[in-house]
Amino acid sequence: MVHPVSHPMLKGQFTTKDRANSLQELITALSGYVKEDDHLFAYEHIQLVYYLTKTRPYLYHSWPMLYPPEDFGTKLKQAQREKKELPIVVRAKSNTKTRYWPQDVDMGLQITDSHINDCRLIAIRFLKANKYTVVWENTFFQILAPLDSNSLL
């Protein structure tokens, strides 16, 4: 792990070439969709994104997949009531908790933990109900925006 990500908040941090490239692409792309202090909904264990973009978690917690599923759903409904706009969403296509990401992206999100699967299902329902669409992706990450956010597409 000798490859840096070109970001002022990651000076002196090194990772694999594929991870550095994938994360660099995501951070660069996100700069066109969010600015500092915006709300962002990042899930699938990618809480570092909030730190790097200086955004705030839409679900009040930088690691929303830690919520029990019933709390995840409750926090999602609470955020929709309290916040003026729907957030930009970032998600990983595979498990970032493995040592092999992003090379194992072909494995997909095969977590057998029902807690994680239930939270993921709630997030997917939220995306469908609010007509989110993928506005950017690379081999490992996706950025999604609601279809009615014309200025973002």
Protein backbone atom coordinates (compact mmCIF):
# COMPACT_ATOMS: atom_id res chain seq x y z
CA MET A 1 0.00 0.00 0.00
CA VAL A 2 2.07 2.82 -1.35
CA HIS A 3 -0.42 4.87 -3.35
CA PRO A 4 -1.81 8.17 -2.04
CA VAL A 5 -5.19 9.75 -2.68
CA SER A 6 -4.70 13.34 -3.75
CA HIS A 7 -6.69 15.03 -1.02
CA PRO A 8 -5.50 17.51 1.63
CA MET A 9 -7.16 15.52 4.42
CA LEU A 10 -5.36 12.32 3.44
CA LYS A 11 -1.77 13.53 3.39
CA GLY A 12 0.54 10.77 4.51
CA GLN A 13 -2.13 8.09 4.00
CA PHE A 14 -1.44 5.33 1.51
CA THR A 15 -3.49 2.50 0.09
CA THR A 16 -3.57 0.20 -2.91
CA LYS A 17 -3.46 1.65 -6.40
CA ASP A 18 -7.00 0.49 -7.22
CA ARG A 19 -8.45 1.91 -4.00
CA ALA A 20 -6.65 5.21 -4.45
CA ASN A 21 -7.93 5.52 -8.02
CA SER A 22 -11.48 4.53 -7.15
CA LEU A 23 -11.69 6.89 -4.17
CA GLN A 24 -10.00 9.73 -6.08
CA GLU A 25 -12.54 9.41 -8.88
CA LEU A 26 -15.41 9.46 -6.38
CA ILE A 27 -14.17 12.51 -4.48
CA THR A 28 -13.55 14.39 -7.73
CA ALA A 29 -17.01 13.53 -9.05
CA LEU A 30 -18.74 14.38 -5.76
CA SER A 31 -17.37 17.91 -5.88
CA GLY A 32 -19.83 18.56 -8.70
CA TYR A 33 -22.80 17.45 -6.59
CA VAL A 34 -22.16 18.52 -3.00
CA LYS A 35 -20.45 21.33 -1.19
CA GLU A 36 -19.28 21.75 2.38
CA ASP A 37 -22.09 21.42 4.97
CA ASP A 38 -24.53 19.84 2.50
CA HIS A 39 -26.37 16.76 3.67
CA LEU A 40 -25.19 13.55 2.06
CA PHE A 41 -26.51 10.01 2.41
CA ALA A 42 -23.53 7.66 2.13
CA TYR A 43 -24.07 4.00 2.88
CA GLU A 44 -22.48 0.59 2.52
CA HIS A 45 -19.75 1.37 5.06
CA ILE A 46 -18.23 4.43 3.37
CA GLN A 47 -18.34 6.92 6.23
CA LEU A 48 -14.97 8.40 5.22
CA VAL A 49 -16.80 10.22 2.42
CA TYR A 50 -18.36 12.67 4.90
CA TYR A 51 -14.95 13.60 6.26
CA LEU A 52 -13.41 14.08 2.83
CA THR A 53 -16.29 16.16 1.47
CA LYS A 54 -16.99 18.03 4.73
CA THR A 55 -20.65 17.11 4.34
CA ARG A 56 -23.15 16.17 7.03
CA PRO A 57 -24.88 12.81 7.35
CA TYR A 58 -28.47 12.89 6.16
CA LEU A 59 -29.33 10.17 8.69
CA TYR A 60 -27.67 11.93 11.66
CA HIS A 61 -24.89 9.35 11.83
CA SER A 62 -21.87 8.87 9.59
CA TRP A 63 -22.25 5.09 9.66
CA PRO A 64 -26.00 4.57 9.18
CA MET A 65 -25.66 0.82 8.60
CA LEU A 66 -24.91 0.50 12.32
CA TYR A 67 -28.47 1.49 13.15
CA PRO A 68 -30.79 -1.43 13.82
CA PRO A 69 -33.10 -1.68 10.77
CA GLU A 70 -36.09 -0.22 12.62
CA ASP A 71 -33.99 2.80 13.67
CA PHE A 72 -32.54 3.12 10.17
CA GLY A 73 -36.07 3.41 8.78
CA THR A 74 -37.14 5.80 11.54
CA LYS A 75 -34.13 8.06 10.98
CA LEU A 76 -34.78 8.08 7.25
CA LYS A 77 -38.39 9.19 7.80
CA GLN A 78 -37.28 11.77 10.35
CA ALA A 79 -34.73 13.21 7.92
CA GLN A 80 -37.34 13.47 5.18
CA ARG A 81 -39.63 15.41 7.52
CA GLU A 82 -36.94 17.72 8.90
CA LYS A 83 -34.75 18.47 5.91
CA LYS A 84 -35.79 20.69 3.02
CA GLU A 85 -34.22 18.71 0.21
CA LEU A 86 -33.48 15.13 -0.62
CA PRO A 87 -29.77 14.38 -0.40
CA ILE A 88 -27.26 13.22 -2.94
CA VAL A 89 -26.62 9.54 -2.24
CA VAL A 90 -23.31 7.71 -2.48
CA ARG A 91 -23.05 3.96 -2.21
CA ALA A 92 -20.48 1.27 -2.72
CA LYS A 93 -21.15 -1.58 -5.12
CA SER A 94 -19.40 -4.10 -2.90
CA ASN A 95 -18.27 -4.56 0.67
CA THR A 96 -15.64 -2.03 1.78
CA LYS A 97 -15.08 -4.03 4.95
CA THR A 98 -13.10 -6.68 3.07
CA ARG A 99 -9.41 -6.34 2.44
CA TYR A 100 -9.89 -6.98 -1.27
CA TRP A 101 -12.02 -4.05 -2.33
CA PRO A 102 -12.32 -2.77 -5.03
CA GLN A 103 -11.02 -5.88 -6.79
CA ASP A 104 -13.86 -7.99 -5.40
CA VAL A 105 -16.60 -5.76 -6.84
CA ASP A 106 -17.81 -8.71 -8.92
CA MET A 107 -18.82 -10.39 -5.66
CA GLY A 108 -21.38 -7.64 -5.13
CA LEU A 109 -23.03 -7.02 -1.80
CA GLN A 110 -23.32 -10.57 -0.57
CA ILE A 111 -23.42 -9.82 3.12
CA THR A 112 -25.43 -12.51 4.82
CA ASP A 113 -26.01 -10.40 7.94
CA SER A 114 -29.77 -9.86 8.01
CA HIS A 115 -29.30 -6.55 9.86
CA ILE A 116 -27.25 -5.12 6.97
CA ASN A 117 -29.55 -6.62 4.35
CA ASP A 118 -32.61 -5.11 6.06
CA CYS A 119 -30.99 -1.65 6.19
CA ARG A 120 -29.99 -1.98 2.55
CA LEU A 121 -33.55 -2.88 1.57
CA ILE A 122 -34.89 0.18 3.41
CA ALA A 123 -32.36 2.38 1.58
CA ILE A 124 -33.31 0.87 -1.79
CA ARG A 125 -37.00 1.49 -1.10
CA PHE A 126 -36.18 5.12 -0.23
CA LEU A 127 -34.28 5.51 -3.51
CA LYS A 128 -37.12 4.01 -5.55
CA ALA A 129 -39.85 5.98 -3.77
CA ASN A 130 -37.99 9.23 -4.43
CA LYS A 131 -37.07 8.36 -8.02
CA TYR A 132 -33.31 8.41 -7.61
CA THR A 133 -31.13 7.69 -10.59
CA VAL A 134 -27.42 7.01 -10.97
CA VAL A 135 -25.77 10.24 -12.15
CA TRP A 136 -22.19 9.01 -11.91
CA GLU A 137 -20.39 5.76 -11.27
CA ASN A 138 -17.03 4.13 -11.52
CA THR A 139 -16.12 0.50 -11.02
CA PHE A 140 -16.84 0.63 -7.28
CA PHE A 141 -18.99 3.64 -6.31
CA GLN A 142 -22.21 5.26 -7.45
CA ILE A 143 -23.60 8.75 -6.97
CA LEU A 144 -27.39 9.00 -7.14
CA ALA A 145 -29.71 12.01 -7.29
CA PRO A 146 -33.49 12.36 -7.34
CA LEU A 147 -34.81 12.61 -10.90
CA ASP A 148 -36.51 15.94 -10.17
CA SER A 149 -33.15 17.52 -9.32
CA ASN A 150 -32.71 18.78 -12.87
CA SER A 151 -29.77 20.97 -11.98
CA LEU A 152 -27.85 17.89 -10.85
CA LEU A 153 -28.33 15.75 -13.94
